[in-house]
């Protein structure tokens, strides 16, 4: 079982109505974790539109979850 700290920003923070939460999980990858959280919080963004950072470094959604990781799912950002 892994304990993961998740921080939310932008649209994901608005949809989750949280800035962060801690989750205990047996999921294997960060992509699976996003899908789990997406179901929980009804995220409107599909997995294909987010990136993940783990412990302040960009990672792959297919990477294996590590215990005590600090995870941020990053939605697309518009600029102008």
PDB file of N, CA and C in Angstrom:
ATOM      1  N   UNK A   1       0.849  -1.177   0.000  1.00  0.00           N
ATOM      2  CA  UNK A   1       0.000   0.000   0.000  1.00  0.00           C
ATOM      3  C   UNK A   1       0.893   1.237   0.000  1.00  0.00           C
ATOM      4  N   UNK A   2       0.574   2.184  -0.855  1.00  0.00           N
ATOM      5  CA  UNK A   2       1.317   3.430  -0.967  1.00  0.00           C
ATOM      6  C   UNK A   2       0.502   4.579  -0.381  1.00  0.00           C
ATOM      7  N   UNK A   3       1.178   5.498   0.277  1.00  0.00           N
ATOM      8  CA  UNK A   3       0.557   6.725   0.732  1.00  0.00           C
ATOM      9  C   UNK A   3       1.100   7.842  -0.148  1.00  0.00           C
ATOM     10  N   UNK A   4       0.194   8.542  -0.844  1.00  0.00           N
ATOM     11  CA  UNK A   4       0.563   9.540  -1.829  1.00  0.00           C
ATOM     12  C   UNK A   4      -0.064  10.880  -1.448  1.00  0.00           C
ATOM     13  N   UNK A   5       0.712  11.949  -1.511  1.00  0.00           N
ATOM     14  CA  UNK A   5       0.183  13.296  -1.316  1.00  0.00           C
ATOM     15  C   UNK A   5      -0.035  13.907  -2.696  1.00  0.00           C
ATOM     16  N   UNK A   6      -1.261  14.348  -2.944  1.00  0.00           N
ATOM     17  CA  UNK A   6      -1.621  14.892  -4.245  1.00  0.00           C
ATOM     18  C   UNK A   6      -1.976  16.363  -4.080  1.00  0.00           C
ATOM     19  N   UNK A   7      -1.410  17.201  -4.943  1.00  0.00           N
ATOM     20  CA  UNK A   7      -1.756  18.622  -4.968  1.00  0.00           C
ATOM     21  C   UNK A   7      -2.494  18.913  -6.265  1.00  0.00           C
ATOM     22  N   UNK A   8      -3.495  19.783  -6.165  1.00  0.00           N
ATOM     23  CA  UNK A   8      -4.309  20.148  -7.324  1.00  0.00           C
ATOM     24  C   UNK A   8      -4.139  21.621  -7.650  1.00  0.00           C
ATOM     25  N   UNK A   9      -4.133  21.924  -8.952  1.00  0.00           N
ATOM     26  CA  UNK A   9      -4.032  23.294  -9.426  1.00  0.00           C
ATOM     27  C   UNK A   9      -5.057  23.522 -10.533  1.00  0.00           C
ATOM     28  N   UNK A  10      -5.361  24.778 -10.761  1.00  0.00           N
ATOM     29  CA  UNK A  10      -6.188  25.217 -11.882  1.00  0.00           C
ATOM     30  C   UNK A  10      -7.528  24.469 -11.915  1.00  0.00           C
ATOM     31  N   UNK A  11      -7.915  23.994 -13.090  1.00  0.00           N
ATOM     32  CA  UNK A  11      -9.226  23.354 -13.256  1.00  0.00           C
ATOM     33  C   UNK A  11      -9.396  22.133 -12.352  1.00  0.00           C
ATOM     34  N   UNK A  12      -8.328  21.385 -12.130  1.00  0.00           N
ATOM     35  CA  UNK A  12      -8.446  20.190 -11.280  1.00  0.00           C
ATOM     36  C   UNK A  12      -8.735  20.586  -9.834  1.00  0.00           C
ATOM     37  N   UNK A  13      -8.153  21.672  -9.366  1.00  0.00           N
ATOM     38  CA  UNK A  13      -8.423  22.147  -8.009  1.00  0.00           C
ATOM     39  C   UNK A  13      -9.874  22.588  -7.889  1.00  0.00           C
ATOM     40  N   UNK A  14     -10.368  23.284  -8.896  1.00  0.00           N
ATOM     41  CA  UNK A  14     -11.758  23.724  -8.887  1.00  0.00           C
ATOM     42  C   UNK A  14     -12.713  22.535  -8.869  1.00  0.00           C
ATOM     43  N   UNK A  15     -12.422  21.526  -9.675  1.00  0.00           N
ATOM     44  CA  UNK A  15     -13.319  20.373  -9.771  1.00  0.00           C
ATOM     45  C   UNK A  15     -13.249  19.495  -8.532  1.00  0.00           C
ATOM     46  N   UNK A  16     -12.067  19.341  -7.958  1.00  0.00           N
ATOM     47  CA  UNK A  16     -11.925  18.532  -6.743  1.00  0.00           C
ATOM     48  C   UNK A  16     -12.391  19.294  -5.507  1.00  0.00           C
ATOM     49  N   UNK A  17     -12.410  20.612  -5.616  1.00  0.00           N
ATOM     50  CA  UNK A  17     -12.715  21.494  -4.486  1.00  0.00           C
ATOM     51  C   UNK A  17     -11.756  21.244  -3.326  1.00  0.00           C
ATOM     52  N   UNK A  18     -10.506  20.949  -3.704  1.00  0.00           N
ATOM     53  CA  UNK A  18      -9.413  20.717  -2.758  1.00  0.00           C
ATOM     54  C   UNK A  18      -8.133  21.252  -3.359  1.00  0.00           C
ATOM     55  N   UNK A  19      -7.222  21.698  -2.512  1.00  0.00           N
ATOM     56  CA  UNK A  19      -5.909  22.055  -3.027  1.00  0.00           C
ATOM     57  C   UNK A  19      -4.940  20.877  -2.880  1.00  0.00           C
ATOM     58  N   UNK A  20      -5.233  19.985  -1.929  1.00  0.00           N
ATOM     59  CA  UNK A  20      -4.409  18.781  -1.769  1.00  0.00           C
ATOM     60  C   UNK A  20      -5.162  17.732  -0.967  1.00  0.00           C
ATOM     61  N   UNK A  21      -4.704  16.509  -1.092  1.00  0.00           N
ATOM     62  CA  UNK A  21      -5.240  15.404  -0.301  1.00  0.00           C
ATOM     63  C   UNK A  21      -4.207  14.290  -0.251  1.00  0.00           C
ATOM     64  N   UNK A  22      -4.356  13.414   0.719  1.00  0.00           N
ATOM     65  CA  UNK A  22      -3.496  12.244   0.859  1.00  0.00           C
ATOM     66  C   UNK A  22      -4.342  11.010   0.580  1.00  0.00           C
ATOM     67  N   UNK A  23      -3.805  10.121  -0.244  1.00  0.00           N
ATOM     68  CA  UNK A  23      -4.520   8.926  -0.664  1.00  0.00           C
ATOM     69  C   UNK A  23      -3.664   7.707  -0.359  1.00  0.00           C
ATOM     70  N   UNK A  24      -4.281   6.663   0.156  1.00  0.00           N
ATOM     71  CA  UNK A  24      -3.628   5.358   0.315  1.00  0.00           C
ATOM     72  C   UNK A  24      -4.151   4.466  -0.800  1.00  0.00           C
ATOM     73  N   UNK A  25      -3.227   3.835  -1.510  1.00  0.00           N
ATOM     74  CA  UNK A  25      -3.653   3.076  -2.680  1.00  0.00           C
ATOM     75  C   UNK A  25      -2.732   1.894  -2.977  1.00  0.00           C
ATOM     76  N   UNK A  26      -3.301   0.911  -3.662  1.00  0.00           N
ATOM     77  CA  UNK A  26      -2.535  -0.215  -4.193  1.00  0.00           C
ATOM     78  C   UNK A  26      -2.392  -0.115  -5.713  1.00  0.00           C
ATOM     79  N   UNK A  27      -2.816   1.000  -6.303  1.00  0.00           N
ATOM     80  CA  UNK A  27      -2.695   1.177  -7.748  1.00  0.00           C
ATOM     81  C   UNK A  27      -1.224   1.130  -8.149  1.00  0.00           C
ATOM     82  N   UNK A  28      -0.970   0.816  -9.403  1.00  0.00           N
ATOM     83  CA  UNK A  28       0.412   0.597  -9.866  1.00  0.00           C
ATOM     84  C   UNK A  28       1.054   1.817 -10.510  1.00  0.00           C
ATOM     85  N   UNK A  29       0.298   2.570 -11.342  1.00  0.00           N
ATOM     86  CA  UNK A  29       0.896   3.675 -12.101  1.00  0.00           C
ATOM     87  C   UNK A  29       0.200   4.998 -11.787  1.00  0.00           C
ATOM     88  N   UNK A  30       0.875   6.087 -12.170  1.00  0.00           N
ATOM     89  CA  UNK A  30       0.287   7.406 -11.959  1.00  0.00           C
ATOM     90  C   UNK A  30      -0.911   7.627 -12.881  1.00  0.00           C
ATOM     91  N   UNK A  31      -0.924   6.999 -14.029  1.00  0.00           N
ATOM     92  CA  UNK A  31      -2.098   7.054 -14.906  1.00  0.00           C
ATOM     93  C   UNK A  31      -3.310   6.409 -14.239  1.00  0.00           C
ATOM     94  N   UNK A  32      -3.100   5.247 -13.619  1.00  0.00           N
ATOM     95  CA  UNK A  32      -4.191   4.588 -12.887  1.00  0.00           C
ATOM     96  C   UNK A  32      -4.657   5.466 -11.731  1.00  0.00           C
ATOM     97  N   UNK A  33      -3.725   6.137 -11.074  1.00  0.00           N
ATOM     98  CA  UNK A  33      -4.075   7.027  -9.973  1.00  0.00           C
ATOM     99  C   UNK A  33      -4.930   8.183 -10.474  1.00  0.00           C
ATOM    100  N   UNK A  34      -4.550   8.767 -11.625  1.00  0.00           N
ATOM    101  CA  UNK A  34      -5.356   9.862 -12.168  1.00  0.00           C
ATOM    102  C   UNK A  34      -6.768   9.379 -12.496  1.00  0.00           C
ATOM    103  N   UNK A  35      -6.884   8.215 -13.118  1.00  0.00           N
ATOM    104  CA  UNK A  35      -8.214   7.684 -13.458  1.00  0.00           C
ATOM    105  C   UNK A  35      -9.057   7.474 -12.196  1.00  0.00           C
ATOM    106  N   UNK A  36      -8.450   6.967 -11.142  1.00  0.00           N
ATOM    107  CA  UNK A  36      -9.132   6.788  -9.856  1.00  0.00           C
ATOM    108  C   UNK A  36      -9.631   8.138  -9.321  1.00  0.00           C
ATOM    109  N   UNK A  37      -8.732   9.133  -9.327  1.00  0.00           N
ATOM    110  CA  UNK A  37      -9.091  10.459  -8.827  1.00  0.00           C
ATOM    111  C   UNK A  37     -10.113  11.135  -9.723  1.00  0.00           C
ATOM    112  N   UNK A  38     -10.017  10.892 -11.019  1.00  0.00           N
ATOM    113  CA  UNK A  38     -10.972  11.451 -11.967  1.00  0.00           C
ATOM    114  C   UNK A  38     -12.382  10.937 -11.684  1.00  0.00           C
ATOM    115  N   UNK A  39     -12.496   9.654 -11.388  1.00  0.00           N
ATOM    116  CA  UNK A  39     -13.803   9.089 -11.015  1.00  0.00           C
ATOM    117  C   UNK A  39     -14.295   9.684  -9.701  1.00  0.00           C
ATOM    118  N   UNK A  40     -13.401   9.831  -8.744  1.00  0.00           N
ATOM    119  CA  UNK A  40     -13.754  10.353  -7.423  1.00  0.00           C
ATOM    120  C   UNK A  40     -14.244  11.796  -7.491  1.00  0.00           C
ATOM    121  N   UNK A  41     -13.545  12.622  -8.283  1.00  0.00           N
ATOM    122  CA  UNK A  41     -13.821  14.056  -8.310  1.00  0.00           C
ATOM    123  C   UNK A  41     -14.532  14.527  -9.579  1.00  0.00           C
ATOM    124  N   UNK A  42     -14.846  13.599 -10.469  1.00  0.00           N
ATOM    125  CA  UNK A  42     -15.536  13.927 -11.718  1.00  0.00           C
ATOM    126  C   UNK A  42     -14.754  14.942 -12.557  1.00  0.00           C
ATOM    127  N   UNK A  43     -13.443  14.695 -12.738  1.00  0.00           N
ATOM    128  CA  UNK A  43     -12.624  15.579 -13.556  1.00  0.00           C
ATOM    129  C   UNK A  43     -13.119  15.562 -15.000  1.00  0.00           C
ATOM    130  N   UNK A  44     -13.105  16.716 -15.627  1.00  0.00           N
ATOM    131  CA  UNK A  44     -13.553  16.810 -17.022  1.00  0.00           C
ATOM    132  C   UNK A  44     -12.417  16.524 -18.009  1.00  0.00           C
ATOM    133  N   UNK A  45     -11.178  16.566 -17.545  1.00  0.00           N
ATOM    134  CA  UNK A  45     -10.037  16.332 -18.434  1.00  0.00           C
ATOM    135  C   UNK A  45      -9.696  14.855 -18.531  1.00  0.00           C
ATOM    136  N   UNK A  46      -9.604  14.332 -19.747  1.00  0.00           N
ATOM    137  CA  UNK A  46      -9.185  12.937 -19.896  1.00  0.00           C
ATOM    138  C   UNK A  46      -7.698  12.789 -19.592  1.00  0.00           C
ATOM    139  N   UNK A  47      -7.293  11.595 -19.299  1.00  0.00           N
ATOM    140  CA  UNK A  47      -5.895  11.270 -18.991  1.00  0.00           C
ATOM    141  C   UNK A  47      -4.943  11.785 -20.070  1.00  0.00           C
ATOM    142  N   UNK A  48      -5.361  11.730 -21.307  1.00  0.00           N
ATOM    143  CA  UNK A  48      -4.493  12.136 -22.423  1.00  0.00           C
ATOM    144  C   UNK A  48      -4.142  13.627 -22.403  1.00  0.00           C
ATOM    145  N   UNK A  49      -4.845  14.415 -21.590  1.00  0.00           N
ATOM    146  CA  UNK A  49      -4.605  15.860 -21.571  1.00  0.00           C
ATOM    147  C   UNK A  49      -3.862  16.344 -20.329  1.00  0.00           C
ATOM    148  N   UNK A  50      -3.422  15.437 -19.477  1.00  0.00           N
ATOM    149  CA  UNK A  50      -2.697  15.860 -18.275  1.00  0.00           C
ATOM    150  C   UNK A  50      -1.274  15.317 -18.291  1.00  0.00           C
ATOM    151  N   UNK A  51      -0.422  16.024 -17.581  1.00  0.00           N
ATOM    152  CA  UNK A  51       0.931  15.548 -17.330  1.00  0.00           C
ATOM    153  C   UNK A  51       1.044  15.321 -15.830  1.00  0.00           C
ATOM    154  N   UNK A  52       2.110  14.642 -15.420  1.00  0.00           N
ATOM    155  CA  UNK A  52       2.302  14.371 -13.996  1.00  0.00           C
ATOM    156  C   UNK A  52       3.721  14.764 -13.589  1.00  0.00           C
ATOM    157  N   UNK A  53       3.796  15.346 -12.409  1.00  0.00           N
ATOM    158  CA  UNK A  53       5.087  15.620 -11.781  1.00  0.00           C
ATOM    159  C   UNK A  53       5.113  14.869 -10.458  1.00  0.00           C
ATOM    160  N   UNK A  54       6.217  14.189 -10.199  1.00  0.00           N
ATOM    161  CA  UNK A  54       6.385  13.412  -8.977  1.00  0.00           C
ATOM    162  C   UNK A  54       7.633  13.928  -8.272  1.00  0.00           C
ATOM    163  N   UNK A  55       7.445  14.332  -7.022  1.00  0.00           N
ATOM    164  CA  UNK A  55       8.562  14.872  -6.238  1.00  0.00           C
ATOM    165  C   UNK A  55       9.304  15.973  -7.001  1.00  0.00           C
ATOM    166  N   UNK A  56       8.513  16.872  -7.600  1.00  0.00           N
ATOM    167  CA  UNK A  56       9.018  18.063  -8.299  1.00  0.00           C
ATOM    168  C   UNK A  56       9.749  17.778  -9.609  1.00  0.00           C
ATOM    169  N   UNK A  57       9.538  16.607 -10.196  1.00  0.00           N
ATOM    170  CA  UNK A  57      10.136  16.271 -11.490  1.00  0.00           C
ATOM    171  C   UNK A  57       9.054  15.713 -12.408  1.00  0.00           C
ATOM    172  N   UNK A  58       9.048  16.172 -13.677  1.00  0.00           N
ATOM    173  CA  UNK A  58       8.111  15.603 -14.627  1.00  0.00           C
ATOM    174  C   UNK A  58       8.352  14.102 -14.734  1.00  0.00           C
ATOM    175  N   UNK A  59       7.275  13.357 -14.792  1.00  0.00           N
ATOM    176  CA  UNK A  59       7.333  11.900 -14.870  1.00  0.00           C
ATOM    177  C   UNK A  59       6.372  11.430 -15.954  1.00  0.00           C
ATOM    178  N   UNK A  60       6.363  10.137 -16.176  1.00  0.00           N
ATOM    179  CA  UNK A  60       5.455   9.528 -17.142  1.00  0.00           C
ATOM    180  C   UNK A  60       4.236   8.965 -16.400  1.00  0.00           C
ATOM    181  N   UNK A  61       3.093   9.034 -17.032  1.00  0.00           N
ATOM    182  CA  UNK A  61       1.886   8.468 -16.431  1.00  0.00           C
ATOM    183  C   UNK A  61       1.990   6.952 -16.286  1.00  0.00           C
ATOM    184  N   UNK A  62       2.903   6.346 -17.025  1.00  0.00           N
ATOM    185  CA  UNK A  62       3.105   4.894 -16.952  1.00  0.00           C
ATOM    186  C   UNK A  62       4.120   4.494 -15.882  1.00  0.00           C
ATOM    187  N   UNK A  63       4.761   5.477 -15.231  1.00  0.00           N
ATOM    188  CA  UNK A  63       5.733   5.173 -14.174  1.00  0.00           C
ATOM    189  C   UNK A  63       5.046   4.520 -12.983  1.00  0.00           C
ATOM    190  N   UNK A  64       5.790   3.670 -12.298  1.00  0.00           N
ATOM    191  CA  UNK A  64       5.283   2.993 -11.105  1.00  0.00           C
ATOM    192  C   UNK A  64       5.180   3.978  -9.935  1.00  0.00           C
ATOM    193  N   UNK A  65       4.089   3.901  -9.210  1.00  0.00           N
ATOM    194  CA  UNK A  65       3.886   4.738  -8.032  1.00  0.00           C
ATOM    195  C   UNK A  65       4.911   4.368  -6.965  1.00  0.00           C
ATOM    196  N   UNK A  66       5.471   5.380  -6.337  1.00  0.00           N
ATOM    197  CA  UNK A  66       6.384   5.154  -5.226  1.00  0.00           C
ATOM    198  C   UNK A  66       5.742   5.660  -3.941  1.00  0.00           C
ATOM    199  N   UNK A  67       5.996   4.958  -2.863  1.00  0.00           N
ATOM    200  CA  UNK A  67       5.428   5.323  -1.567  1.00  0.00           C
ATOM    201  C   UNK A  67       5.942   6.696  -1.138  1.00  0.00           C
ATOM    202  N   UNK A  68       5.068   7.460  -0.512  1.00  0.00           N
ATOM    203  CA  UNK A  68       5.365   8.790   0.016  1.00  0.00           C
ATOM    204  C   UNK A  68       5.648   9.821  -1.080  1.00  0.00           C
ATOM    205  N   UNK A  69       5.247   9.538  -2.305  1.00  0.00           N
ATOM    206  CA  UNK A  69       5.448  10.476  -3.404  1.00  0.00           C
ATOM    207  C   UNK A  69       4.541  11.694  -3.225  1.00  0.00           C
ATOM    208  N   UNK A  70       5.033  12.827  -3.705  1.00  0.00           N
ATOM    209  CA  UNK A  70       4.231  14.044  -3.801  1.00  0.00           C
ATOM    210  C   UNK A  70       3.924  14.227  -5.285  1.00  0.00           C
ATOM    211  N   UNK A  71       2.645  14.194  -5.620  1.00  0.00           N
ATOM    212  CA  UNK A  71       2.203  14.125  -7.011  1.00  0.00           C
ATOM    213  C   UNK A  71       1.378  15.359  -7.362  1.00  0.00           C
ATOM    214  N   UNK A  72       1.650  15.885  -8.557  1.00  0.00           N
ATOM    215  CA  UNK A  72       0.848  16.972  -9.100  1.00  0.00           C
ATOM    216  C   UNK A  72       0.444  16.558 -10.507  1.00  0.00           C
ATOM    217  N   UNK A  73      -0.857  16.565 -10.777  1.00  0.00           N
ATOM    218  CA  UNK A  73      -1.341  16.358 -12.134  1.00  0.00           C
ATOM    219  C   UNK A  73      -1.532  17.737 -12.745  1.00  0.00           C
ATOM    220  N   UNK A  74      -0.946  17.945 -13.923  1.00  0.00           N
ATOM    221  CA  UNK A  74      -0.875  19.268 -14.518  1.00  0.00           C
ATOM    222  C   UNK A  74      -1.807  19.333 -15.725  1.00  0.00           C
ATOM    223  N   UNK A  75      -2.837  20.175 -15.616  1.00  0.00           N
ATOM    224  CA  UNK A  75      -3.748  20.334 -16.754  1.00  0.00           C
ATOM    225  C   UNK A  75      -3.105  21.218 -17.824  1.00  0.00           C
ATOM    226  N   UNK A  76      -3.682  21.243 -19.019  1.00  0.00           N
ATOM    227  CA  UNK A  76      -3.158  22.138 -20.061  1.00  0.00           C
ATOM    228  C   UNK A  76      -3.255  23.596 -19.584  1.00  0.00           C
ATOM    229  N   UNK A  77      -2.281  24.382 -19.993  1.00  0.00           N
ATOM    230  CA  UNK A  77      -2.253  25.780 -19.575  1.00  0.00           C
ATOM    231  C   UNK A  77      -2.340  26.648 -20.833  1.00  0.00           C
ATOM    232  N   UNK A  78      -3.266  27.589 -20.802  1.00  0.00           N
ATOM    233  CA  UNK A  78      -3.399  28.538 -21.916  1.00  0.00           C
ATOM    234  C   UNK A  78      -2.674  29.820 -21.557  1.00  0.00           C
ATOM    235  N   UNK A  79      -2.061  30.410 -22.511  1.00  0.00           N
ATOM    236  CA  UNK A  79      -1.366  31.675 -22.264  1.00  0.00           C
ATOM    237  C   UNK A  79      -1.635  32.642 -23.399  1.00  0.00           C
ATOM    238  N   UNK A  80      -1.250  33.863 -23.171  1.00  0.00           N
ATOM    239  CA  UNK A  80      -1.524  34.802 -24.225  1.00  0.00           C
ATOM    240  C   UNK A  80      -0.680  36.015 -24.157  1.00  0.00           C
TER     241      UNK A  80
END
